[in-house]
C-alpha atoms as a PDB file:
ATOM      1  CA  MET A   1      -6.640   4.726 -11.703  1.00  0.00           C
ATOM      2  CA  ALA A   2      -6.825   1.768  -9.229  1.00  0.00           C
ATOM      3  CA  PHE A   3      -4.816   2.741  -5.838  1.00  0.00           C
ATOM      4  CA  CYS A   4      -4.313  -0.251  -3.178  1.00  0.00           C
ATOM      5  CA  SER A   5      -1.999  -0.908  -0.399  1.00  0.00           C
ATOM      6  CA  ASP A   6      -0.873  -3.879   2.181  1.00  0.00           C
ATOM      7  CA  VAL A   7      -1.816  -7.194   0.308  1.00  0.00           C
ATOM      8  CA  GLN A   8       0.711  -8.991   2.395  1.00  0.00           C
ATOM      9  CA  GLY A   9       0.648 -12.031   0.728  1.00  0.00           C
ATOM     10  CA  ASN A  10      -2.740 -12.407   0.364  1.00  0.00           C
ATOM     11  CA  LEU A  11      -3.434 -13.597  -2.953  1.00  0.00           C
ATOM     12  CA  ALA A  12      -7.052 -14.352  -2.987  1.00  0.00           C
ATOM     13  CA  ALA A  13      -7.993 -10.739  -1.284  1.00  0.00           C
ATOM     14  CA  LEU A  14      -5.556  -9.547  -4.475  1.00  0.00           C
ATOM     15  CA  GLU A  15      -7.670 -11.051  -6.787  1.00  0.00           C
ATOM     16  CA  ALA A  16     -10.650 -10.369  -5.680  1.00  0.00           C
ATOM     17  CA  VAL A  17      -9.463  -6.848  -5.970  1.00  0.00           C
ATOM     18  CA  LEU A  18      -8.153  -7.203  -9.321  1.00  0.00           C
ATOM     19  CA  ALA A  19     -11.544  -9.022 -10.814  1.00  0.00           C
ATOM     20  CA  ASP A  20     -13.336  -6.201  -9.290  1.00  0.00           C
ATOM     21  CA  VAL A  21     -10.825  -3.563 -11.005  1.00  0.00           C
ATOM     22  CA  ALA A  22     -11.069  -5.175 -14.831  1.00  0.00           C
ATOM     23  CA  ARG A  23     -14.641  -5.348 -14.584  1.00  0.00           C
ATOM     24  CA  ARG A  24     -14.455  -1.455 -14.116  1.00  0.00           C
ATOM     25  CA  ALA A  25     -11.950  -1.428 -17.156  1.00  0.00           C
ATOM     26  CA  ILE A  26      -9.253  -0.221 -15.500  1.00  0.00           C
ATOM     27  CA  THR A  27      -5.680  -0.783 -16.134  1.00  0.00           C
ATOM     28  CA  ASP A  28      -3.750   1.362 -14.401  1.00  0.00           C
ATOM     29  CA  ILE A  29      -3.054  -0.077 -10.945  1.00  0.00           C
ATOM     30  CA  TYR A  30      -1.129   1.100  -8.039  1.00  0.00           C
ATOM     31  CA  VAL A  31      -0.357  -0.272  -4.718  1.00  0.00           C
ATOM     32  CA  ALA A  32       0.868   1.837  -1.461  1.00  0.00           C
ATOM     33  CA  GLY A  33       3.301  -0.394  -0.189  1.00  0.00           C
ATOM     34  CA  ASN A  34       3.847  -3.561   1.871  1.00  0.00           C
ATOM     35  CA  VAL A  35       3.464  -6.080  -0.816  1.00  0.00           C
ATOM     36  CA  VAL A  36       4.463  -9.814   0.109  1.00  0.00           C
ATOM     37  CA  LEU A  37       4.934 -10.537   4.069  1.00  0.00           C
ATOM     38  CA  GLY A  38       1.686 -11.197   5.953  1.00  0.00           C
ATOM     39  CA  GLY A  39       0.122 -13.881   3.811  1.00  0.00           C
ATOM     40  CA  ASP A  40       0.855 -17.654   2.011  1.00  0.00           C
ATOM     41  CA  LYS A  41       1.496 -16.594  -1.470  1.00  0.00           C
ATOM     42  CA  PRO A  42       4.247 -13.682  -0.908  1.00  0.00           C
ATOM     43  CA  LEU A  43       6.296 -14.533  -4.666  1.00  0.00           C
ATOM     44  CA  GLU A  44       2.928 -15.367  -6.441  1.00  0.00           C
ATOM     45  CA  THR A  45       1.646 -11.876  -5.287  1.00  0.00           C
ATOM     46  CA  TRP A  46       4.577 -10.280  -6.394  1.00  0.00           C
ATOM     47  CA  MET A  47       4.574 -11.884  -9.555  1.00  0.00           C
ATOM     48  CA  ARG A  48       0.893 -11.094 -10.140  1.00  0.00           C
ATOM     49  CA  LEU A  49       1.265  -7.850  -9.723  1.00  0.00           C
ATOM     50  CA  ALA A  50       4.458  -7.416 -11.550  1.00  0.00           C
ATOM     51  CA  THR A  51       2.335  -9.359 -14.952  1.00  0.00           C
ATOM     52  CA  LEU A  52       0.070  -6.103 -14.380  1.00  0.00           C
ATOM     53  CA  GLN A  53       3.212  -4.186 -14.665  1.00  0.00           C
ATOM     54  CA  ALA A  54       1.471  -2.320 -11.575  1.00  0.00           C
ATOM     55  CA  HIS A  55       3.138   0.607 -10.306  1.00  0.00           C
ATOM     56  CA  ILE A  56       4.138  -0.373  -6.240  1.00  0.00           C
ATOM     57  CA  THR A  57       6.232   1.789  -3.765  1.00  0.00           C
ATOM     58  CA  GLN A  58       7.633   0.745  -0.996  1.00  0.00           C
ATOM     59  CA  GLY A  59       6.217   0.100   2.408  1.00  0.00           C
ATOM     60  CA  PRO A  60       8.177  -0.539   5.527  1.00  0.00           C
ATOM     61  CA  LYS A  61       7.502  -4.393   5.789  1.00  0.00           C
ATOM     62  CA  ASP A  62       8.941  -4.821   2.019  1.00  0.00           C
ATOM     63  CA  LEU A  63      12.131  -2.717   3.490  1.00  0.00           C
ATOM     64  CA  ALA A  64      12.517  -5.362   6.007  1.00  0.00           C
ATOM     65  CA  VAL A  65      12.236  -8.194   4.477  1.00  0.00           C
ATOM     66  CA  ALA A  66      14.622  -6.997   1.531  1.00  0.00           C
ATOM     67  CA  THR A  67      17.030  -5.500   4.154  1.00  0.00           C
ATOM     68  CA  VAL A  68      17.135  -7.794   7.342  1.00  0.00           C
ATOM     69  CA  ASP A  69      18.888 -11.210   7.752  1.00  0.00           C
ATOM     70  CA  PRO A  70      16.143 -13.495   9.736  1.00  0.00           C
ATOM     71  CA  ASP A  71      18.860 -14.747  11.611  1.00  0.00           C
ATOM     72  CA  LEU A  72      19.773 -12.178  13.530  1.00  0.00           C
ATOM     73  CA  LEU A  73      15.964 -11.997  14.835  1.00  0.00           C
ATOM     74  CA  LYS A  74      15.571 -12.568  18.157  1.00  0.00           C
ATOM     75  CA  PRO A  75      12.432 -14.302  19.436  1.00  0.00           C
ATOM     76  CA  LYS A  76      11.377 -13.809  22.801  1.00  0.00           C
ATOM     77  CA  ASP A  77       7.642 -15.805  23.137  1.00  0.00           C
ATOM     78  CA  ALA A  78       5.768 -18.507  20.651  1.00  0.00           C
ATOM     79  CA  ARG A  79       3.889 -15.238  19.032  1.00  0.00           C
ATOM     80  CA  GLU A  80       7.450 -13.851  17.682  1.00  0.00           C
ATOM     81  CA  LYS A  81       8.811 -16.901  17.324  1.00  0.00           C
ATOM     82  CA  ALA A  82       5.739 -17.770  14.810  1.00  0.00           C
ATOM     83  CA  LEU A  83       6.355 -14.099  13.046  1.00  0.00           C
ATOM     84  CA  ALA A  84      10.278 -14.895  12.461  1.00  0.00           C
ATOM     85  CA  ALA A  85       9.170 -18.042  11.247  1.00  0.00           C
ATOM     86  CA  GLN A  86       6.841 -16.455   8.774  1.00  0.00           C
ATOM     87  CA  PHE A  87       9.379 -13.966   7.892  1.00  0.00           C
ATOM     88  CA  LYS A  88      12.261 -16.306   7.033  1.00  0.00           C
ATOM     89  CA  SER A  89       9.699 -18.738   4.754  1.00  0.00           C
ATOM     90  CA  THR A  90       8.869 -15.362   2.901  1.00  0.00           C
ATOM     91  CA  ARG A  91      12.610 -14.163   2.126  1.00  0.00           C
ATOM     92  CA  ASP A  92      13.155 -17.919   1.210  1.00  0.00           C
ATOM     93  CA  SER A  93      10.425 -18.002  -1.031  1.00  0.00           C
ATOM     94  CA  LEU A  94      10.909 -14.846  -2.636  1.00  0.00           C
ATOM     95  CA  GLY A  95      14.693 -15.339  -3.629  1.00  0.00           C
ATOM     96  CA  GLU A  96      17.564 -13.000  -4.113  1.00  0.00           C
ATOM     97  CA  PHE A  97      16.169 -11.443  -7.558  1.00  0.00           C
ATOM     98  CA  VAL A  98      12.787 -10.150  -6.189  1.00  0.00           C
ATOM     99  CA  LEU A  99      14.262  -8.871  -2.832  1.00  0.00           C
ATOM    100  CA  GLN A 100      16.580  -6.962  -4.529  1.00  0.00           C
ATOM    101  CA  LYS A 101      13.802  -5.268  -6.583  1.00  0.00           C
ATOM    102  CA  LEU A 102      11.812  -4.946  -3.576  1.00  0.00           C
ATOM    103  CA  LYS A 103      14.625  -2.946  -1.869  1.00  0.00           C
ATOM    104  CA  ARG A 104      14.890  -0.655  -4.928  1.00  0.00           C
ATOM    105  CA  LEU A 105      10.867   0.232  -4.964  1.00  0.00           C
ATOM    106  CA  PRO A 106      10.538   4.229  -4.686  1.00  0.00           C
ATOM    107  CA  VAL A 107       9.108   5.361  -1.654  1.00  0.00           C
ATOM    108  CA  GLN A 108       6.621   7.466  -3.425  1.00  0.00           C
ATOM    109  CA  ILE A 109       5.403   7.881  -6.773  1.00  0.00           C
ATOM    110  CA  ARG A 110       4.755  11.518  -8.213  1.00  0.00           C
ATOM    111  CA  MET A 111       2.199  12.142 -10.981  1.00  0.00           C
ATOM    112  CA  PRO A 112       0.849  15.666 -12.421  1.00  0.00           C
ATOM    113  CA  LEU A 113      -3.190  15.691 -13.196  1.00  0.00           C
ATOM    114  CA  ILE A 114      -4.844  16.936 -16.123  1.00  0.00           C
ATOM    115  CA  GLN A 115      -6.298  19.958 -14.037  1.00  0.00           C
ATOM    116  CA  GLY A 116      -2.595  20.661 -13.019  1.00  0.00           C
ATOM    117  CA  ASP A 117      -2.844  19.547  -9.560  1.00  0.00           C
ATOM    118  CA  GLU A 118       0.040  16.938  -8.386  1.00  0.00           C
ATOM    119  CA  LEU A 119      -0.545  13.711  -6.576  1.00  0.00           C
ATOM    120  CA  VAL A 120       1.866  11.510  -4.636  1.00  0.00           C
ATOM    121  CA  VAL A 121       1.218   7.980  -3.703  1.00  0.00           C
ATOM    122  CA  MET A 122       2.746   6.531  -0.438  1.00  0.00           C
ATOM    123  CA  HIS A 123       2.529   4.081   2.421  1.00  0.00           C
ATOM    124  CA  GLY A 124       2.824   5.989   5.251  1.00  0.00           C
ATOM    125  CA  SER A 125       3.222   9.898   5.396  1.00  0.00           C
ATOM    126  CA  PRO A 126       5.815  12.472   3.790  1.00  0.00           C
ATOM    127  CA  SER A 127       7.572  12.967   7.393  1.00  0.00           C
ATOM    128  CA  ASP A 128       7.874   9.130   7.612  1.00  0.00           C
ATOM    129  CA  PRO A 129       7.232   6.427   5.473  1.00  0.00           C
ATOM    130  CA  SER A 130       6.347   4.144   8.520  1.00  0.00           C
ATOM    131  CA  ILE A 131       3.641   6.455  10.090  1.00  0.00           C
ATOM    132  CA  GLU A 132       0.350   5.943   8.451  1.00  0.00           C
ATOM    133  CA  PHE A 133      -2.270   8.971   8.588  1.00  0.00           C
ATOM    134  CA  SER A 134      -5.393   7.629  10.845  1.00  0.00           C
ATOM    135  CA  HIS A 135      -9.286   9.061  10.562  1.00  0.00           C
ATOM    136  CA  ASP A 136      -8.859   9.855  14.364  1.00  0.00           C
ATOM    137  CA  LEU A 137      -6.106  12.930  13.866  1.00  0.00           C
ATOM    138  CA  ASP A 138      -6.778  16.008  14.280  1.00  0.00           C
ATOM    139  CA  ASP A 139      -5.887  18.886  11.476  1.00  0.00           C
ATOM    140  CA  ASP A 140      -2.901  19.959  13.494  1.00  0.00           C
ATOM    141  CA  GLU A 141      -1.423  16.369  13.809  1.00  0.00           C
ATOM    142  CA  THR A 142      -2.537  15.513  10.320  1.00  0.00           C
ATOM    143  CA  LEU A 143      -0.603  18.538   8.861  1.00  0.00           C
ATOM    144  CA  ALA A 144       2.295  17.574  10.728  1.00  0.00           C
ATOM    145  CA  LEU A 145       2.933  14.495   9.251  1.00  0.00           C
ATOM    146  CA  VAL A 146       2.266  16.379   5.580  1.00  0.00           C
ATOM    147  CA  ALA A 147       4.995  18.080   6.637  1.00  0.00           C
ATOM    148  CA  ASP A 148       6.169  20.608   3.419  1.00  0.00           C
ATOM    149  CA  ASP A 149       5.232  18.169   1.009  1.00  0.00           C
ATOM    150  CA  PRO A 150       3.879  20.123  -2.347  1.00  0.00           C
ATOM    151  CA  ALA A 151       1.396  17.803  -3.270  1.00  0.00           C
ATOM    152  CA  ASP A 152      -2.440  18.279  -3.735  1.00  0.00           C
ATOM    153  CA  ILE A 153      -3.361  14.556  -3.064  1.00  0.00           C
ATOM    154  CA  ILE A 154      -1.887  12.223  -1.038  1.00  0.00           C
ATOM    155  CA  VAL A 155      -2.605   8.795  -1.386  1.00  0.00           C
ATOM    156  CA  CYS A 156      -1.790   6.360   1.141  1.00  0.00           C
ATOM    157  CA  GLY A 157      -2.174   3.060   3.252  1.00  0.00           C
ATOM    158  CA  GLY A 158      -2.138   1.395   6.317  1.00  0.00           C
ATOM    159  CA  ALA A 159      -5.510   2.024   7.778  1.00  0.00           C
ATOM    160  CA  LEU A 160      -7.951  -0.904   8.550  1.00  0.00           C
ATOM    161  CA  VAL A 161     -10.693   1.922   7.885  1.00  0.00           C
ATOM    162  CA  PRO A 162     -10.097   3.803   4.488  1.00  0.00           C
ATOM    163  CA  PHE A 163     -10.732   7.291   4.569  1.00  0.00           C
ATOM    164  CA  GLU A 164     -10.828  10.670   3.042  1.00  0.00           C
ATOM    165  CA  ARG A 165     -10.111  13.990   4.370  1.00  0.00           C
ATOM    166  CA  THR A 166      -8.847  17.497   3.102  1.00  0.00           C
ATOM    167  CA  VAL A 167      -6.975  19.655   5.745  1.00  0.00           C
ATOM    168  CA  PRO A 168      -5.949  22.822   4.322  1.00  0.00           C
ATOM    169  CA  GLY A 169      -3.845  22.699   1.515  1.00  0.00           C
ATOM    170  CA  VAL A 170      -3.833  18.894   0.771  1.00  0.00           C
ATOM    171  CA  ARG A 171      -6.487  16.222   0.355  1.00  0.00           C
ATOM    172  CA  ILE A 172      -5.690  12.954   1.687  1.00  0.00           C
ATOM    173  CA  VAL A 173      -7.004   9.839   0.604  1.00  0.00           C
ATOM    174  CA  ASN A 174      -6.099   6.501   2.423  1.00  0.00           C
ATOM    175  CA  VAL A 175      -6.860   3.365   0.494  1.00  0.00           C
ATOM    176  CA  GLY A 176      -7.111   0.817   3.560  1.00  0.00           C
ATOM    177  CA  VAL A 177      -5.778  -2.717   3.240  1.00  0.00           C
ATOM    178  CA  VAL A 178      -6.331  -5.513   0.972  1.00  0.00           C
ATOM    179  CA  HIS A 179      -5.103  -8.187   3.519  1.00  0.00           C
ATOM    180  CA  ASN A 180      -7.767  -8.350   5.904  1.00  0.00           C
ATOM    181  CA  ALA A 181      -8.249 -11.856   7.488  1.00  0.00           C
ATOM    182  CA  GLU A 182     -10.695 -10.911  10.035  1.00  0.00           C
ATOM    183  CA  ASN A 183     -13.534  -9.974   8.266  1.00  0.00           C
ATOM    184  CA  ARG A 184     -12.293 -11.449   4.000  1.00  0.00           C
ATOM    185  CA  VAL A 185     -13.334  -7.698   2.756  1.00  0.00           C
ATOM    186  CA  ALA A 186      -9.958  -6.180   0.569  1.00  0.00           C
ATOM    187  CA  HIS A 187     -10.682  -2.160   0.240  1.00  0.00           C
ATOM    188  CA  TYR A 188      -9.197  -0.122  -2.586  1.00  0.00           C
ATOM    189  CA  THR A 189     -10.091   2.839  -4.372  1.00  0.00           C
ATOM    190  CA  ILE A 190     -10.659   4.414  -7.720  1.00  0.00           C
ATOM    191  CA  ILE A 191      -9.193   7.984  -8.574  1.00  0.00           C
ATOM    192  CA  THR A 192     -10.421   9.485 -11.819  1.00  0.00           C
ATOM    193  CA  PRO A 193      -8.555  13.227 -12.521  1.00  0.00           C
ATOM    194  CA  LYS A 194     -11.024  15.209 -14.255  1.00  0.00           C
ATOM    195  CA  LEU A 195     -10.565  18.823 -15.530  1.00  0.00           C
ATOM    196  CA  ASP A 196     -13.503  19.884 -12.984  1.00  0.00           C
ATOM    197  CA  GLY A 197     -12.365  18.047  -9.823  1.00  0.00           C
ATOM    198  CA  THR A 198     -10.879  14.787  -8.877  1.00  0.00           C
ATOM    199  CA  ILE A 199     -13.251  12.028  -8.116  1.00  0.00           C
ATOM    200  CA  VAL A 200     -12.516   9.863  -5.500  1.00  0.00           C
ATOM    201  CA  GLU A 201     -14.506   6.294  -4.949  1.00  0.00           C
ATOM    202  CA  GLN A 202     -13.427   4.179  -2.236  1.00  0.00           C
ATOM    203  CA  ALA A 203     -14.892   0.469  -3.002  1.00  0.00           C
ATOM    204  CA  TRP A 204     -14.134  -3.332  -1.538  1.00  0.00           C
ATOM    205  CA  ALA A 205     -14.290  -6.330  -2.641  1.00  0.00           C
ATOM    206  CA  GLU A 206     -15.416  -9.860  -0.974  1.00  0.00           C
ATOM    207  CA  TYR A 207     -13.221 -12.799  -0.982  1.00  0.00           C
END
């Protein structure tokens, strides 16, 4: 299975990941939220993932695009005005049908693995979908974000640097981001469940 996050309307970056995934003959694709807002191809990005029947969870940006009226935004400076304009343009390009799809995306996707573990996919953390795990948290801070979630493996996004770590009772895999305009490297992660343990391979594709 291939997992990625934060495509953010960057179709070129997504296509680079999909080409690499196809080369590996992987067909099950999961996206941990924040799909459309940020790049210049929001609708095309959504349609590409829909064509592949990708499994998508809802990120905070997806929820905002689906529910916030852009006319209510009150930008205070040039940067905020540019972001508000992009927000409105994204909503307009998606149309009501896709906005409703975004609104109804699940916050989590859970699945049993072959060896009996449970894997959950989400954008942020079990305690708050808008708060991501980061590599610099200590064990206590990480466990606080895990809360009482029963999953053995948590797959999430939102970190510019992908990472994997294990704290008592849970394995956390942050798949990084697809949309990375600074260095044009899109991250994704391959997870292979096996009877003797789950293999995690973090990968990337240049675009």
